[in-house]
Amino acid sequence: MDGALLAEARTRRAGVNDAKLFDAALTALVRSSRASEIDAAYAAYDDQPLDEADAWGNLASFRDAAATS
């Protein structure tokens, strides 16, 4: 464990015990990891232009239809 990092965290979260501090750190880690997973899943959309058809049609026409409803 990095003692300086722990000391800084304790200073920034004064009045919070170590258990709550670690819970907050783990929660932030899990959220960050999940956000990265979601970003990676959506990166697939960058590989295909919106107006290029696939088995379901194309995203550009879907987006246009959704905007008018």
PDB file of N, CA and C in Angstrom:
ATOM      1  N   MET A   1       0.843  -1.163   0.000  1.00  0.00           N
ATOM      2  CA  MET A   1       0.000   0.000   0.000  1.00  0.00           C
ATOM      3  C   MET A   1       0.891   1.230   0.000  1.00  0.00           C
ATOM      4  N   ASP A   2       0.514   2.201  -0.774  1.00  0.00           N
ATOM      5  CA  ASP A   2       1.235   3.474  -0.841  1.00  0.00           C
ATOM      6  C   ASP A   2       0.787   4.345   0.326  1.00  0.00           C
ATOM      7  N   GLY A   3       1.679   4.506   1.283  1.00  0.00           N
ATOM      8  CA  GLY A   3       1.361   5.277   2.483  1.00  0.00           C
ATOM      9  C   GLY A   3       1.024   6.724   2.196  1.00  0.00           C
ATOM     10  N   ALA A   4       1.735   7.326   1.253  1.00  0.00           N
ATOM     11  CA  ALA A   4       1.472   8.732   0.917  1.00  0.00           C
ATOM     12  C   ALA A   4       0.102   8.886   0.274  1.00  0.00           C
ATOM     13  N   LEU A   5      -0.266   7.945  -0.583  1.00  0.00           N
ATOM     14  CA  LEU A   5      -1.576   7.991  -1.224  1.00  0.00           C
ATOM     15  C   LEU A   5      -2.689   7.829  -0.192  1.00  0.00           C
ATOM     16  N   LEU A   6      -2.508   6.912   0.736  1.00  0.00           N
ATOM     17  CA  LEU A   6      -3.490   6.708   1.793  1.00  0.00           C
ATOM     18  C   LEU A   6      -3.621   7.960   2.657  1.00  0.00           C
ATOM     19  N   ALA A   7      -2.506   8.568   2.984  1.00  0.00           N
ATOM     20  CA  ALA A   7      -2.537   9.791   3.796  1.00  0.00           C
ATOM     21  C   ALA A   7      -3.264  10.912   3.064  1.00  0.00           C
ATOM     22  N   GLU A   8      -3.022  11.040   1.769  1.00  0.00           N
ATOM     23  CA  GLU A   8      -3.706  12.077   0.992  1.00  0.00           C
ATOM     24  C   GLU A   8      -5.211  11.811   0.932  1.00  0.00           C
ATOM     25  N   ALA A   9      -5.576  10.549   0.730  1.00  0.00           N
ATOM     26  CA  ALA A   9      -6.999  10.189   0.696  1.00  0.00           C
ATOM     27  C   ALA A   9      -7.655  10.488   2.037  1.00  0.00           C
ATOM     28  N   ARG A  10      -6.967  10.176   3.108  1.00  0.00           N
ATOM     29  CA  ARG A  10      -7.508  10.470   4.444  1.00  0.00           C
ATOM     30  C   ARG A  10      -7.687  11.966   4.645  1.00  0.00           C
ATOM     31  N   THR A  11      -6.768  12.750   4.117  1.00  0.00           N
ATOM     32  CA  THR A  11      -6.866  14.204   4.242  1.00  0.00           C
ATOM     33  C   THR A  11      -8.049  14.732   3.438  1.00  0.00           C
ATOM     34  N   ARG A  12      -8.209  14.229   2.237  1.00  0.00           N
ATOM     35  CA  ARG A  12      -9.296  14.698   1.367  1.00  0.00           C
ATOM     36  C   ARG A  12     -10.665  14.272   1.877  1.00  0.00           C
ATOM     37  N   ARG A  13     -10.724  13.156   2.577  1.00  0.00           N
ATOM     38  CA  ARG A  13     -11.997  12.646   3.100  1.00  0.00           C
ATOM     39  C   ARG A  13     -11.962  12.646   4.625  1.00  0.00           C
ATOM     40  N   ALA A  14     -11.611  13.783   5.199  1.00  0.00           N
ATOM     41  CA  ALA A  14     -11.495  13.899   6.652  1.00  0.00           C
ATOM     42  C   ALA A  14     -12.799  13.478   7.319  1.00  0.00           C
ATOM     43  N   GLY A  15     -12.684  12.728   8.385  1.00  0.00           N
ATOM     44  CA  GLY A  15     -13.843  12.287   9.133  1.00  0.00           C
ATOM     45  C   GLY A  15     -14.415  10.968   8.657  1.00  0.00           C
ATOM     46  N   VAL A  16     -13.877  10.425   7.573  1.00  0.00           N
ATOM     47  CA  VAL A  16     -14.343   9.142   7.047  1.00  0.00           C
ATOM     48  C   VAL A  16     -13.366   8.060   7.495  1.00  0.00           C
ATOM     49  N   ASN A  17     -13.906   6.973   8.062  1.00  0.00           N
ATOM     50  CA  ASN A  17     -13.003   5.913   8.509  1.00  0.00           C
ATOM     51  C   ASN A  17     -12.433   5.159   7.303  1.00  0.00           C
ATOM     52  N   ASP A  18     -11.403   4.373   7.562  1.00  0.00           N
ATOM     53  CA  ASP A  18     -10.710   3.674   6.472  1.00  0.00           C
ATOM     54  C   ASP A  18     -11.628   2.705   5.726  1.00  0.00           C
ATOM     55  N   ALA A  19     -12.541   2.042   6.427  1.00  0.00           N
ATOM     56  CA  ALA A  19     -13.446   1.101   5.757  1.00  0.00           C
ATOM     57  C   ALA A  19     -14.301   1.824   4.715  1.00  0.00           C
ATOM     58  N   LYS A  20     -14.847   2.972   5.083  1.00  0.00           N
ATOM     59  CA  LYS A  20     -15.658   3.740   4.127  1.00  0.00           C
ATOM     60  C   LYS A  20     -14.789   4.302   3.004  1.00  0.00           C
ATOM     61  N   LEU A  21     -13.574   4.677   3.338  1.00  0.00           N
ATOM     62  CA  LEU A  21     -12.638   5.183   2.340  1.00  0.00           C
ATOM     63  C   LEU A  21     -12.325   4.099   1.310  1.00  0.00           C
ATOM     64  N   PHE A  22     -12.075   2.874   1.770  1.00  0.00           N
ATOM     65  CA  PHE A  22     -11.795   1.761   0.851  1.00  0.00           C
ATOM     66  C   PHE A  22     -13.035   1.393   0.043  1.00  0.00           C
ATOM     67  N   ASP A  23     -14.213   1.440   0.670  1.00  0.00           N
ATOM     68  CA  ASP A  23     -15.454   1.180  -0.071  1.00  0.00           C
ATOM     69  C   ASP A  23     -15.618   2.185  -1.204  1.00  0.00           C
ATOM     70  N   ALA A  24     -15.361   3.449  -0.915  1.00  0.00           N
ATOM     71  CA  ALA A  24     -15.483   4.491  -1.941  1.00  0.00           C
ATOM     72  C   ALA A  24     -14.475   4.265  -3.062  1.00  0.00           C
ATOM     73  N   ALA A  25     -13.258   3.878  -2.695  1.00  0.00           N
ATOM     74  CA  ALA A  25     -12.222   3.636  -3.705  1.00  0.00           C
ATOM     75  C   ALA A  25     -12.586   2.447  -4.585  1.00  0.00           C
ATOM     76  N   LEU A  26     -13.087   1.381  -3.983  1.00  0.00           N
ATOM     77  CA  LEU A  26     -13.466   0.197  -4.764  1.00  0.00           C
ATOM     78  C   LEU A  26     -14.677   0.484  -5.652  1.00  0.00           C
ATOM     79  N   THR A  27     -15.619   1.249  -5.138  1.00  0.00           N
ATOM     80  CA  THR A  27     -16.779   1.634  -5.938  1.00  0.00           C
ATOM     81  C   THR A  27     -16.337   2.435  -7.155  1.00  0.00           C
ATOM     82  N   ALA A  28     -15.437   3.372  -6.960  1.00  0.00           N
ATOM     83  CA  ALA A  28     -14.926   4.178  -8.079  1.00  0.00           C
ATOM     84  C   ALA A  28     -14.184   3.304  -9.082  1.00  0.00           C
ATOM     85  N   LEU A  29     -13.431   2.340  -8.595  1.00  0.00           N
ATOM     86  CA  LEU A  29     -12.690   1.430  -9.479  1.00  0.00           C
ATOM     87  C   LEU A  29     -13.647   0.598 -10.322  1.00  0.00           C
ATOM     88  N   VAL A  30     -14.679   0.046  -9.698  1.00  0.00           N
ATOM     89  CA  VAL A  30     -15.643  -0.779 -10.430  1.00  0.00           C
ATOM     90  C   VAL A  30     -16.403   0.055 -11.450  1.00  0.00           C
ATOM     91  N   ARG A  31     -16.825   1.256 -11.074  1.00  0.00           N
ATOM     92  CA  ARG A  31     -17.532   2.136 -12.012  1.00  0.00           C
ATOM     93  C   ARG A  31     -16.654   2.493 -13.201  1.00  0.00           C
ATOM     94  N   SER A  32     -15.410   2.795 -12.931  1.00  0.00           N
ATOM     95  CA  SER A  32     -14.476   3.145 -14.002  1.00  0.00           C
ATOM     96  C   SER A  32     -14.269   1.960 -14.938  1.00  0.00           C
ATOM     97  N   SER A  33     -14.130   0.785 -14.364  1.00  0.00           N
ATOM     98  CA  SER A  33     -13.930  -0.417 -15.170  1.00  0.00           C
ATOM     99  C   SER A  33     -15.164  -0.683 -16.025  1.00  0.00           C
ATOM    100  N   ARG A  34     -16.340  -0.540 -15.436  1.00  0.00           N
ATOM    101  CA  ARG A  34     -17.581  -0.786 -16.179  1.00  0.00           C
ATOM    102  C   ARG A  34     -17.741   0.252 -17.286  1.00  0.00           C
ATOM    103  N   ALA A  35     -17.405   1.497 -17.011  1.00  0.00           N
ATOM    104  CA  ALA A  35     -17.491   2.542 -18.030  1.00  0.00           C
ATOM    105  C   ALA A  35     -16.562   2.223 -19.198  1.00  0.00           C
ATOM    106  N   SER A  36     -15.380   1.697 -18.905  1.00  0.00           N
ATOM    107  CA  SER A  36     -14.442   1.319 -19.967  1.00  0.00           C
ATOM    108  C   SER A  36     -14.991   0.176 -20.804  1.00  0.00           C
ATOM    109  N   GLU A  37     -15.667  -0.785 -20.144  1.00  0.00           N
ATOM    110  CA  GLU A  37     -16.273  -1.902 -20.875  1.00  0.00           C
ATOM    111  C   GLU A  37     -17.371  -1.397 -21.817  1.00  0.00           C
ATOM    112  N   ILE A  38     -18.177  -0.481 -21.331  1.00  0.00           N
ATOM    113  CA  ILE A  38     -19.261   0.077 -22.154  1.00  0.00           C
ATOM    114  C   ILE A  38     -18.679   0.857 -23.330  1.00  0.00           C
ATOM    115  N   ASP A  39     -17.665   1.671 -23.069  1.00  0.00           N
ATOM    116  CA  ASP A  39     -17.019   2.422 -24.146  1.00  0.00           C
ATOM    117  C   ASP A  39     -16.455   1.480 -25.203  1.00  0.00           C
ATOM    118  N   ALA A  40     -15.844   0.382 -24.778  1.00  0.00           N
ATOM    119  CA  ALA A  40     -15.271  -0.578 -25.721  1.00  0.00           C
ATOM    120  C   ALA A  40     -16.366  -1.240 -26.551  1.00  0.00           C
ATOM    121  N   ALA A  41     -17.500  -1.519 -25.934  1.00  0.00           N
ATOM    122  CA  ALA A  41     -18.609  -2.139 -26.671  1.00  0.00           C
ATOM    123  C   ALA A  41     -19.147  -1.193 -27.742  1.00  0.00           C
ATOM    124  N   TYR A  42     -19.233   0.080 -27.425  1.00  0.00           N
ATOM    125  CA  TYR A  42     -19.743   1.044 -28.397  1.00  0.00           C
ATOM    126  C   TYR A  42     -18.713   1.410 -29.457  1.00  0.00           C
ATOM    127  N   ALA A  43     -17.457   1.084 -29.237  1.00  0.00           N
ATOM    128  CA  ALA A  43     -16.412   1.383 -30.220  1.00  0.00           C
ATOM    129  C   ALA A  43     -16.672   0.643 -31.526  1.00  0.00           C
ATOM    130  N   ALA A  44     -17.395  -0.454 -31.458  1.00  0.00           N
ATOM    131  CA  ALA A  44     -17.720  -1.206 -32.679  1.00  0.00           C
ATOM    132  C   ALA A  44     -18.500  -0.340 -33.663  1.00  0.00           C
ATOM    133  N   TYR A  45     -19.282   0.586 -33.150  1.00  0.00           N
ATOM    134  CA  TYR A  45     -20.047   1.467 -34.032  1.00  0.00           C
ATOM    135  C   TYR A  45     -19.148   2.407 -34.833  1.00  0.00           C
ATOM    136  N   ASP A  46     -17.949   2.659 -34.320  1.00  0.00           N
ATOM    137  CA  ASP A  46     -17.001   3.513 -35.033  1.00  0.00           C
ATOM    138  C   ASP A  46     -16.415   2.807 -36.254  1.00  0.00           C
ATOM    139  N   ASP A  47     -16.480   1.474 -36.262  1.00  0.00           N
ATOM    140  CA  ASP A  47     -15.911   0.701 -37.363  1.00  0.00           C
ATOM    141  C   ASP A  47     -16.809   0.662 -38.596  1.00  0.00           C
ATOM    142  N   GLN A  48     -18.077   0.986 -38.409  1.00  0.00           N
ATOM    143  CA  GLN A  48     -19.028   0.913 -39.523  1.00  0.00           C
ATOM    144  C   GLN A  48     -19.724   2.266 -39.658  1.00  0.00           C
ATOM    145  N   PRO A  49     -19.694   2.859 -40.848  1.00  0.00           N
ATOM    146  CA  PRO A  49     -20.379   4.145 -41.046  1.00  0.00           C
ATOM    147  C   PRO A  49     -21.873   4.003 -40.751  1.00  0.00           C
ATOM    148  N   LEU A  50     -22.480   5.063 -40.242  1.00  0.00           N
ATOM    149  CA  LEU A  50     -23.893   5.013 -39.870  1.00  0.00           C
ATOM    150  C   LEU A  50     -24.814   4.686 -41.044  1.00  0.00           C
ATOM    151  N   ASP A  51     -24.414   5.075 -42.244  1.00  0.00           N
ATOM    152  CA  ASP A  51     -25.300   4.844 -43.387  1.00  0.00           C
ATOM    153  C   ASP A  51     -24.991   3.533 -44.134  1.00  0.00           C
ATOM    154  N   GLU A  52     -24.095   2.723 -43.606  1.00  0.00           N
ATOM    155  CA  GLU A  52     -23.777   1.432 -44.221  1.00  0.00           C
ATOM    156  C   GLU A  52     -24.752   0.379 -43.710  1.00  0.00           C
ATOM    157  N   ALA A  53     -25.405  -0.315 -44.618  1.00  0.00           N
ATOM    158  CA  ALA A  53     -26.415  -1.294 -44.228  1.00  0.00           C
ATOM    159  C   ALA A  53     -25.805  -2.551 -43.627  1.00  0.00           C
ATOM    160  N   ASP A  54     -26.548  -3.135 -42.703  1.00  0.00           N
ATOM    161  CA  ASP A  54     -26.205  -4.449 -42.174  1.00  0.00           C
ATOM    162  C   ASP A  54     -27.488  -5.282 -42.171  1.00  0.00           C
ATOM    163  N   ALA A  55     -27.506  -6.371 -41.452  1.00  0.00           N
ATOM    164  CA  ALA A  55     -28.672  -7.258 -41.452  1.00  0.00           C
ATOM    165  C   ALA A  55     -29.927  -6.577 -40.910  1.00  0.00           C
ATOM    166  N   TRP A  56     -29.770  -5.529 -40.134  1.00  0.00           N
ATOM    167  CA  TRP A  56     -30.898  -4.842 -39.511  1.00  0.00           C
ATOM    168  C   TRP A  56     -31.279  -3.560 -40.243  1.00  0.00           C
ATOM    169  N   GLY A  57     -30.558  -3.179 -41.246  1.00  0.00           N
ATOM    170  CA  GLY A  57     -30.784  -1.898 -41.931  1.00  0.00           C
ATOM    171  C   GLY A  57     -29.553  -1.037 -41.748  1.00  0.00           C
ATOM    172  N   ASN A  58     -29.771   0.246 -41.489  1.00  0.00           N
ATOM    173  CA  ASN A  58     -28.627   1.099 -41.170  1.00  0.00           C
ATOM    174  C   ASN A  58     -28.999   2.059 -40.050  1.00  0.00           C
ATOM    175  N   LEU A  59     -27.996   2.450 -39.298  1.00  0.00           N
ATOM    176  CA  LEU A  59     -28.236   3.289 -38.132  1.00  0.00           C
ATOM    177  C   LEU A  59     -28.673   4.697 -38.494  1.00  0.00           C
ATOM    178  N   ALA A  60     -28.252   5.194 -39.636  1.00  0.00           N
ATOM    179  CA  ALA A  60     -28.620   6.556 -40.024  1.00  0.00           C
ATOM    180  C   ALA A  60     -30.132   6.669 -40.227  1.00  0.00           C
ATOM    181  N   SER A  61     -30.743   5.719 -40.931  1.00  0.00           N
ATOM    182  CA  SER A  61     -32.183   5.794 -41.151  1.00  0.00           C
ATOM    183  C   SER A  61     -32.946   5.555 -39.842  1.00  0.00           C
ATOM    184  N   PHE A  62     -32.430   4.690 -38.988  1.00  0.00           N
ATOM    185  CA  PHE A  62     -33.062   4.473 -37.685  1.00  0.00           C
ATOM    186  C   PHE A  62     -33.025   5.762 -36.866  1.00  0.00           C
ATOM    187  N   ARG A  63     -31.881   6.417 -36.860  1.00  0.00           N
ATOM    188  CA  ARG A  63     -31.732   7.662 -36.113  1.00  0.00           C
ATOM    189  C   ARG A  63     -32.686   8.726 -36.653  1.00  0.00           C
ATOM    190  N   ASP A  64     -32.801   8.822 -37.981  1.00  0.00           N
ATOM    191  CA  ASP A  64     -33.730   9.789 -38.583  1.00  0.00           C
ATOM    192  C   ASP A  64     -35.179   9.482 -38.199  1.00  0.00           C
ATOM    193  N   ALA A  65     -35.559   8.207 -38.266  1.00  0.00           N
ATOM    194  CA  ALA A  65     -36.929   7.823 -37.921  1.00  0.00           C
ATOM    195  C   ALA A  65     -37.223   8.080 -36.448  1.00  0.00           C
ATOM    196  N   ALA A  66     -36.268   7.809 -35.597  1.00  0.00           N
ATOM    197  CA  ALA A  66     -36.465   8.043 -34.165  1.00  0.00           C
ATOM    198  C   ALA A  66     -36.596   9.528 -33.866  1.00  0.00           C
ATOM    199  N   ALA A  67     -35.891  10.347 -34.601  1.00  0.00           N
ATOM    200  CA  ALA A  67     -35.933  11.796 -34.364  1.00  0.00           C
ATOM    201  C   ALA A  67     -37.294  12.386 -34.741  1.00  0.00           C
ATOM    202  N   THR A  68     -38.005  11.747 -35.682  1.00  0.00           N
ATOM    203  CA  THR A  68     -39.287  12.278 -36.115  1.00  0.00           C
ATOM    204  C   THR A  68     -40.459  11.716 -35.315  1.00  0.00           C
ATOM    205  N   SER A  69     -40.202  10.771 -34.433  1.00  0.00           N
ATOM    206  CA  SER A  69     -41.317  10.175 -33.682  1.00  0.00           C
ATOM    207  C   SER A  69     -41.541  10.857 -32.349  1.00  0.00           C
TER     208      SER A  69
END
